[in-house]
Amino acid sequence: MAIKKAINTTMEDIEHKLNLILARLDRLEARISKMAPEEGMTQGMTQVEVAKFLGVSVNYFKQHVRHQIPHKQADRKIIFSRSDVLAWLHGNKEGSAA
């Protein structure tokens, strides 16, 4: 009985955390939809800008996200296109809902 309760609590915690993540993605999607195309949809973004846009720390972005989004490197600067960031964000939201 205690094991079943521990498993249920763990599943409830996982479900709660997943719902928090999905809610955060919904808020990001709402922010994106309010952006006008002239706000630089093809403009390059730095790692700091992308991390801020996604609402994560720069350190987390560099360790866990950066390599999942196509980017270019100019000298020592890594540049992301806004359209690639949006495509990645949209694709990950669909993947997490499945």
Protein backbone atom coordinates (compact mmCIF):
# COMPACT_ATOMS: atom_id res chain seq x y z
CA MET A 1 0.00 0.00 0.00
CA ALA A 2 2.80 2.43 0.90
CA ILE A 3 4.60 1.69 -2.38
CA LYS A 4 1.43 2.32 -4.40
CA LYS A 5 0.92 5.64 -2.59
CA ALA A 6 4.55 6.63 -3.25
CA ILE A 7 4.15 5.79 -6.94
CA ASN A 8 0.88 7.75 -7.17
CA THR A 9 2.45 10.74 -5.46
CA THR A 10 5.37 10.59 -7.86
CA MET A 11 3.05 10.40 -10.86
CA GLU A 12 1.03 13.31 -9.50
CA ASP A 13 4.24 15.32 -9.09
CA ILE A 14 5.28 14.51 -12.65
CA GLU A 15 1.87 15.47 -14.00
CA HIS A 16 1.94 18.74 -12.03
CA LYS A 17 5.40 19.63 -13.33
CA LEU A 18 4.40 18.76 -16.89
CA ASN A 19 1.36 21.03 -16.58
CA LEU A 20 3.61 23.86 -15.36
CA ILE A 21 5.89 23.37 -18.36
CA LEU A 22 2.96 23.34 -20.78
CA ALA A 23 1.53 26.49 -19.18
CA ARG A 24 4.91 28.21 -19.60
CA LEU A 25 5.01 27.19 -23.25
CA ASP A 26 1.49 28.56 -23.71
CA ARG A 27 2.60 31.91 -22.27
CA LEU A 28 5.61 31.96 -24.60
CA GLU A 29 3.41 31.13 -27.57
CA ALA A 30 1.05 33.98 -26.63
CA ARG A 31 4.00 36.39 -26.47
CA ILE A 32 5.23 35.18 -29.85
CA SER A 33 1.83 35.54 -31.48
CA LYS A 34 1.70 39.20 -30.40
CA MET A 35 4.99 39.93 -32.14
CA ALA A 36 4.72 41.74 -35.44
CA PRO A 37 6.77 40.31 -38.32
CA GLU A 38 8.67 43.58 -38.61
CA GLU A 39 10.09 43.02 -35.12
CA GLY A 40 12.93 41.10 -36.72
CA MET A 41 11.64 37.63 -37.46
CA THR A 42 14.78 37.03 -39.49
CA GLN A 43 17.06 39.03 -37.21
CA GLY A 44 19.90 37.16 -35.54
CA MET A 45 19.77 36.57 -31.80
CA THR A 46 22.63 35.93 -29.39
CA GLN A 47 22.61 33.13 -26.83
CA VAL A 48 21.75 35.64 -24.11
CA GLU A 49 18.80 36.97 -26.13
CA VAL A 50 17.48 33.48 -26.91
CA ALA A 51 17.78 32.40 -23.27
CA LYS A 52 15.92 35.52 -22.12
CA PHE A 53 13.28 34.99 -24.82
CA LEU A 54 12.74 31.38 -23.70
CA GLY A 55 12.73 32.33 -20.02
CA VAL A 56 15.70 30.19 -19.01
CA SER A 57 19.12 31.03 -17.63
CA VAL A 58 21.97 31.51 -20.08
CA ASN A 59 23.84 28.65 -18.40
CA TYR A 60 20.87 26.28 -18.80
CA PHE A 61 20.44 27.37 -22.40
CA LYS A 62 24.10 26.71 -23.22
CA GLN A 63 24.09 23.29 -21.55
CA HIS A 64 20.71 21.90 -22.61
CA VAL A 65 19.14 23.83 -25.47
CA ARG A 66 21.74 25.53 -27.68
CA HIS A 67 22.73 22.42 -29.62
CA GLN A 68 19.11 21.62 -30.48
CA ILE A 69 18.56 24.86 -32.43
CA PRO A 70 20.33 25.53 -35.75
CA HIS A 71 22.84 28.37 -35.44
CA LYS A 72 25.80 29.99 -37.12
CA GLN A 73 29.09 30.99 -35.63
CA ALA A 74 30.76 34.23 -36.65
CA ASP A 75 34.19 34.57 -35.05
CA ARG A 76 33.41 33.64 -31.43
CA LYS A 77 29.78 34.77 -31.54
CA ILE A 78 26.96 32.24 -31.95
CA ILE A 79 23.92 33.61 -33.78
CA PHE A 80 20.42 32.10 -33.94
CA SER A 81 17.75 33.15 -36.41
CA ARG A 82 14.50 34.06 -34.71
CA SER A 83 12.58 31.83 -37.14
CA ASP A 84 14.72 28.82 -36.12
CA VAL A 85 14.11 29.56 -32.43
CA LEU A 86 10.36 29.81 -33.04
CA ALA A 87 10.35 26.59 -35.08
CA TRP A 88 12.25 24.79 -32.31
CA LEU A 89 9.87 26.11 -29.67
CA HIS A 90 6.81 25.11 -31.69
CA GLY A 91 8.23 21.64 -32.43
CA ASN A 92 9.05 20.98 -28.76
CA LYS A 93 5.59 22.01 -27.62
CA GLU A 94 4.01 19.53 -30.04
CA GLY A 95 6.42 16.82 -28.91
CA SER A 96 5.63 17.33 -25.22
CA ALA A 97 1.88 17.15 -25.76
CA ALA A 98 2.06 13.68 -27.30
